Amino acid sequence: MCEALRQLEADAAARAVAEMAEEVRREVMEEVTTEVTENVQLRSLKNLMRNLHLTAEQALAALEIFGPERETLIRKLQ
């Protein structure tokens, strides 16, 4: 009986660790995806501004970037 309980505890602990690892993996992937997306948008924004001589606002409108993303990119331009 004691061995069975130890095995149940070990299995539960292993499941908990696996679930935590999966959650961390998801969070990291989300952060990386967000950062990569912002970097691509920022590069596109700068290219439009430089090559077409657009203001930041004009370039953001051309890229159809609105809302919080817009504010983040404007901050990163400075």
C-alpha atoms as a PDB file:
ATOM      1  CA  MET A   1       0.000   0.000   0.000  1.00  0.00           C
ATOM      2  CA  CYS A   2       2.789   2.481   0.881  1.00  0.00           C
ATOM      3  CA  GLU A   3       4.543   1.798  -2.409  1.00  0.00           C
ATOM      4  CA  ALA A   4       1.307   2.433  -4.293  1.00  0.00           C
ATOM      5  CA  LEU A   5       0.879   5.787  -2.513  1.00  0.00           C
ATOM      6  CA  ARG A   6       4.470   6.747  -3.268  1.00  0.00           C
ATOM      7  CA  GLN A   7       3.911   5.902  -6.912  1.00  0.00           C
ATOM      8  CA  LEU A   8       0.710   7.976  -6.989  1.00  0.00           C
ATOM      9  CA  GLU A   9       2.571  10.930  -5.448  1.00  0.00           C
ATOM     10  CA  ALA A  10       5.429  10.524  -7.909  1.00  0.00           C
ATOM     11  CA  ASP A  11       2.986  10.383 -10.827  1.00  0.00           C
ATOM     12  CA  ALA A  12       1.128  13.450  -9.558  1.00  0.00           C
ATOM     13  CA  ALA A  13       4.396  15.341  -9.141  1.00  0.00           C
ATOM     14  CA  ALA A  14       5.519  14.370 -12.646  1.00  0.00           C
ATOM     15  CA  ARG A  15       2.197  15.543 -14.107  1.00  0.00           C
ATOM     16  CA  ALA A  16       2.453  18.835 -12.212  1.00  0.00           C
ATOM     17  CA  VAL A  17       5.970  19.423 -13.510  1.00  0.00           C
ATOM     18  CA  ALA A  18       4.912  18.593 -17.060  1.00  0.00           C
ATOM     19  CA  GLU A  19       1.948  20.981 -16.837  1.00  0.00           C
ATOM     20  CA  MET A  20       4.136  23.767 -15.457  1.00  0.00           C
ATOM     21  CA  ALA A  21       6.718  23.195 -18.194  1.00  0.00           C
ATOM     22  CA  GLU A  22       4.018  23.362 -20.860  1.00  0.00           C
ATOM     23  CA  GLU A  23       2.647  26.596 -19.402  1.00  0.00           C
ATOM     24  CA  VAL A  24       6.119  28.156 -19.360  1.00  0.00           C
ATOM     25  CA  ARG A  25       6.712  26.997 -22.940  1.00  0.00           C
ATOM     26  CA  ARG A  26       3.426  28.610 -24.058  1.00  0.00           C
ATOM     27  CA  GLU A  27       4.256  31.876 -22.297  1.00  0.00           C
ATOM     28  CA  VAL A  28       7.741  32.022 -23.794  1.00  0.00           C
ATOM     29  CA  MET A  29       6.427  31.261 -27.286  1.00  0.00           C
ATOM     30  CA  GLU A  30       3.836  34.017 -26.932  1.00  0.00           C
ATOM     31  CA  GLU A  31       6.474  36.519 -25.804  1.00  0.00           C
ATOM     32  CA  VAL A  32       8.840  35.561 -28.620  1.00  0.00           C
ATOM     33  CA  THR A  33       6.058  35.766 -31.207  1.00  0.00           C
ATOM     34  CA  THR A  34       5.030  39.193 -29.949  1.00  0.00           C
ATOM     35  CA  GLU A  35       8.616  40.453 -30.009  1.00  0.00           C
ATOM     36  CA  VAL A  36       9.263  39.132 -33.513  1.00  0.00           C
ATOM     37  CA  THR A  37       6.010  40.659 -34.778  1.00  0.00           C
ATOM     38  CA  GLU A  38       6.902  44.029 -33.254  1.00  0.00           C
ATOM     39  CA  ASN A  39      10.373  43.895 -34.799  1.00  0.00           C
ATOM     40  CA  VAL A  40       8.954  43.150 -38.259  1.00  0.00           C
ATOM     41  CA  GLN A  41       6.386  45.926 -37.902  1.00  0.00           C
ATOM     42  CA  LEU A  42       9.022  48.372 -36.706  1.00  0.00           C
ATOM     43  CA  ARG A  43      11.319  47.524 -39.621  1.00  0.00           C
ATOM     44  CA  SER A  44       8.425  47.920 -42.073  1.00  0.00           C
ATOM     45  CA  LEU A  45       7.477  51.214 -40.481  1.00  0.00           C
ATOM     46  CA  LYS A  46      11.027  52.565 -40.730  1.00  0.00           C
ATOM     47  CA  ASN A  47      11.339  51.398 -44.344  1.00  0.00           C
ATOM     48  CA  LEU A  48       8.119  53.170 -45.339  1.00  0.00           C
ATOM     49  CA  MET A  49       9.195  56.320 -43.559  1.00  0.00           C
ATOM     50  CA  ARG A  50      12.645  56.315 -45.171  1.00  0.00           C
ATOM     51  CA  ASN A  51      11.809  55.111 -48.675  1.00  0.00           C
ATOM     52  CA  LEU A  52       8.481  56.873 -49.201  1.00  0.00           C
ATOM     53  CA  HIS A  53       9.229  59.857 -46.977  1.00  0.00           C
ATOM     54  CA  LEU A  54       6.152  59.252 -44.844  1.00  0.00           C
ATOM     55  CA  THR A  55       5.572  60.442 -41.313  1.00  0.00           C
ATOM     56  CA  ALA A  56       5.228  57.810 -38.610  1.00  0.00           C
ATOM     57  CA  GLU A  57       1.459  58.371 -38.561  1.00  0.00           C
ATOM     58  CA  GLN A  58       1.182  57.974 -42.329  1.00  0.00           C
ATOM     59  CA  ALA A  59       3.302  54.823 -42.331  1.00  0.00           C
ATOM     60  CA  LEU A  60       1.263  53.321 -39.468  1.00  0.00           C
ATOM     61  CA  ALA A  61      -1.944  54.053 -41.359  1.00  0.00           C
ATOM     62  CA  ALA A  62      -0.491  52.468 -44.519  1.00  0.00           C
ATOM     63  CA  LEU A  63       0.364  49.352 -42.505  1.00  0.00           C
ATOM     64  CA  GLU A  64      -3.096  49.452 -40.908  1.00  0.00           C
ATOM     65  CA  ILE A  65      -1.651  49.388 -37.412  1.00  0.00           C
ATOM     66  CA  PHE A  66      -3.995  50.838 -34.821  1.00  0.00           C
ATOM     67  CA  GLY A  67      -4.662  50.689 -31.100  1.00  0.00           C
ATOM     68  CA  PRO A  68      -2.080  49.658 -28.510  1.00  0.00           C
ATOM     69  CA  GLU A  69       0.296  48.291 -31.173  1.00  0.00           C
ATOM     70  CA  ARG A  70       0.469  51.761 -32.683  1.00  0.00           C
ATOM     71  CA  GLU A  71       1.444  53.351 -29.378  1.00  0.00           C
ATOM     72  CA  THR A  72       4.081  50.689 -28.734  1.00  0.00           C
ATOM     73  CA  LEU A  73       5.683  51.223 -32.128  1.00  0.00           C
ATOM     74  CA  ILE A  74       5.679  55.012 -31.770  1.00  0.00           C
ATOM     75  CA  ARG A  75       7.473  54.648 -28.423  1.00  0.00           C
ATOM     76  CA  LYS A  76      10.026  52.315 -30.001  1.00  0.00           C
ATOM     77  CA  LEU A  77      10.712  54.808 -32.787  1.00  0.00           C
ATOM     78  CA  GLN A  78      11.931  57.400 -30.313  1.00  0.00           C
END
